Protein backbone atom coordinates (compact mmCIF):
# COMPACT_ATOMS: atom_id res chain seq x y z
CA MET A 1 124.25 -35.83 32.04
CA THR A 2 123.18 -37.80 28.98
CA GLY A 3 124.35 -37.36 25.20
CA GLY A 4 122.29 -37.59 21.89
CA VAL A 5 118.89 -38.83 21.16
CA VAL A 6 118.79 -42.48 20.79
CA GLY A 7 114.75 -42.56 19.65
CA THR A 8 111.59 -40.59 19.96
CA GLY A 9 108.14 -41.54 20.09
CA ILE A 10 104.49 -40.06 19.81
CA ASP A 11 100.96 -41.13 20.34
CA LEU A 12 97.78 -39.58 20.08
CA VAL A 13 94.49 -41.29 22.09
CA GLU A 14 90.87 -40.47 21.98
CA ASN A 15 89.67 -39.88 25.25
CA GLU A 16 86.01 -41.28 24.58
CA ARG A 17 87.48 -44.34 23.54
CA MET A 18 89.31 -44.64 26.82
CA ARG A 19 86.25 -43.88 28.59
CA GLU A 20 84.57 -46.68 26.60
CA MET A 21 87.22 -48.88 27.53
CA LEU A 22 87.19 -48.42 30.94
CA ALA A 23 83.55 -48.91 31.31
CA ARG A 24 83.55 -52.17 29.48
CA TRP A 25 86.53 -53.69 30.91
CA SER A 26 86.96 -51.84 34.23
CA ASP A 27 89.45 -53.20 36.55
CA ARG A 28 90.61 -55.88 34.36
CA PHE A 29 91.73 -53.13 31.70
CA ARG A 30 92.95 -50.83 34.59
CA ASN A 31 95.06 -53.76 36.26
CA ARG A 32 96.49 -54.83 32.82
CA ILE A 33 97.76 -51.38 31.82
CA PHE A 34 98.24 -48.93 34.81
CA LEU A 35 99.86 -49.42 38.01
CA PRO A 36 98.43 -48.64 41.38
CA GLY A 37 100.03 -45.27 41.75
CA GLU A 38 98.71 -44.48 38.34
CA GLN A 39 95.43 -45.58 39.12
CA SER A 40 94.97 -43.78 42.10
CA TYR A 41 95.87 -40.41 40.65
CA CYS A 42 93.63 -40.70 37.80
CA GLU A 43 90.68 -41.98 39.90
CA SER A 44 91.22 -38.87 42.22
CA LYS A 45 90.03 -36.69 39.24
CA ALA A 46 86.63 -35.67 38.42
CA SER A 47 87.04 -37.11 34.81
CA PRO A 48 89.40 -40.10 35.22
CA TRP A 49 89.44 -41.27 31.68
CA LEU A 50 91.23 -37.96 30.50
CA TYR A 51 94.29 -38.92 32.73
CA TYR A 52 94.08 -42.72 32.03
CA SER A 53 94.44 -41.67 28.10
CA GLY A 54 97.38 -39.38 28.76
CA ARG A 55 99.29 -42.06 30.53
CA PHE A 56 98.32 -44.66 27.94
CA ALA A 57 99.75 -42.15 25.29
CA VAL A 58 102.95 -41.48 27.24
CA LYS A 59 103.35 -45.59 27.60
CA GLU A 60 102.60 -45.72 23.88
CA ALA A 61 105.26 -43.22 22.96
CA VAL A 62 107.76 -44.19 25.13
CA SER A 63 107.77 -48.10 23.49
CA LYS A 64 107.58 -46.29 20.13
CA ALA A 65 110.66 -44.58 21.14
CA PHE A 66 112.62 -47.54 22.03
CA GLY A 67 111.24 -49.09 18.67
CA THR A 68 109.85 -52.09 20.12
CA GLY A 69 106.15 -51.08 20.69
CA ILE A 70 104.51 -52.87 23.90
CA GLY A 71 105.43 -56.33 23.87
CA THR A 72 108.04 -58.73 25.59
CA SER A 73 110.65 -56.48 25.88
CA LEU A 74 108.93 -53.65 27.46
CA GLY A 75 105.10 -54.42 28.70
CA TRP A 76 102.45 -51.89 29.76
CA LEU A 77 103.71 -52.16 33.59
CA ASP A 78 107.34 -51.72 32.85
CA ILE A 79 106.55 -47.99 32.16
CA GLU A 80 104.92 -46.04 35.18
CA VAL A 81 104.02 -42.10 34.44
CA VAL A 82 104.76 -40.20 37.46
CA ARG A 83 104.36 -36.37 38.20
CA ASP A 84 106.35 -34.03 39.76
CA ALA A 85 104.44 -32.75 42.96
CA GLN A 86 105.92 -29.34 42.78
CA SER A 87 105.70 -28.50 38.90
CA GLY A 88 103.28 -31.20 37.69
CA LYS A 89 105.90 -32.25 34.80
CA PRO A 90 105.34 -35.72 33.98
CA SER A 91 108.05 -38.14 33.83
CA VAL A 92 108.36 -42.01 33.56
CA ARG A 93 109.74 -44.54 36.07
CA LEU A 94 110.85 -47.88 34.29
CA SER A 95 110.60 -51.10 36.13
CA GLU A 96 113.76 -53.41 36.90
CA LYS A 97 113.20 -55.04 33.56
CA GLY A 98 112.50 -51.86 31.82
CA ARG A 99 115.56 -49.95 33.30
CA ALA A 100 117.82 -53.32 32.13
CA PHE A 101 116.31 -53.10 28.48
CA ALA A 102 117.36 -49.53 28.44
CA GLY A 103 121.09 -50.02 29.40
CA ARG A 104 121.17 -52.35 26.80
CA ARG A 105 119.99 -49.77 24.46
CA GLY A 106 122.39 -47.36 25.87
CA VAL A 107 119.38 -45.16 27.23
CA GLY A 108 120.36 -42.81 29.87
CA ASP A 109 117.21 -40.73 30.32
CA VAL A 110 113.37 -40.81 28.99
CA LEU A 111 111.86 -37.44 28.63
CA VAL A 112 108.20 -37.13 28.10
CA SER A 113 105.89 -34.32 27.28
CA LEU A 114 102.02 -34.85 27.73
CA SER A 115 99.10 -32.67 26.99
CA HIS A 116 95.69 -33.07 26.48
CA THR A 117 92.23 -31.43 25.30
CA HIS A 118 88.67 -32.57 25.89
CA HIS A 119 88.87 -34.94 22.94
CA PHE A 120 92.13 -36.10 22.77
CA ALA A 121 95.30 -36.80 24.79
CA ILE A 122 99.09 -36.77 23.03
CA ALA A 123 102.53 -37.49 24.28
CA GLN A 124 106.00 -37.50 23.05
CA ALA A 125 108.93 -39.34 24.34
CA LEU A 126 112.74 -38.62 23.98
CA LEU A 127 115.25 -41.33 24.72
CA LEU A 128 118.76 -39.61 25.52
CA SER A 129 121.86 -41.72 25.51
CA ASP A 130 123.92 -42.64 28.63
CA ARG A 131 127.03 -42.37 26.33
């Protein structure tokens, strides 16, 4: 089990803005921000932009919790939003680079919460110490 809180982050995304980005930039945007599993999940939904918004918010919240934002230390594709098949609970899977960065920061676990309405998606991330 992990120890105390190392960082926290939150993000809010306007769903209509995500819909516009997807329409304007299509695969170029999707492939830059979302991994194939995330794209497959979102595209399986009747309103994919709602699910892309949630995943975007999670990635932003996690990067904010690390205190870096999205950049060289932690990129868009270093954070994958996954969903528990039984409960539907969201979680994140960090890339090898992301896990190494988390290790250097003393992060043992990343907890996320995600919610959305017709207009907005919001996510919160909590980093727990491995010490």
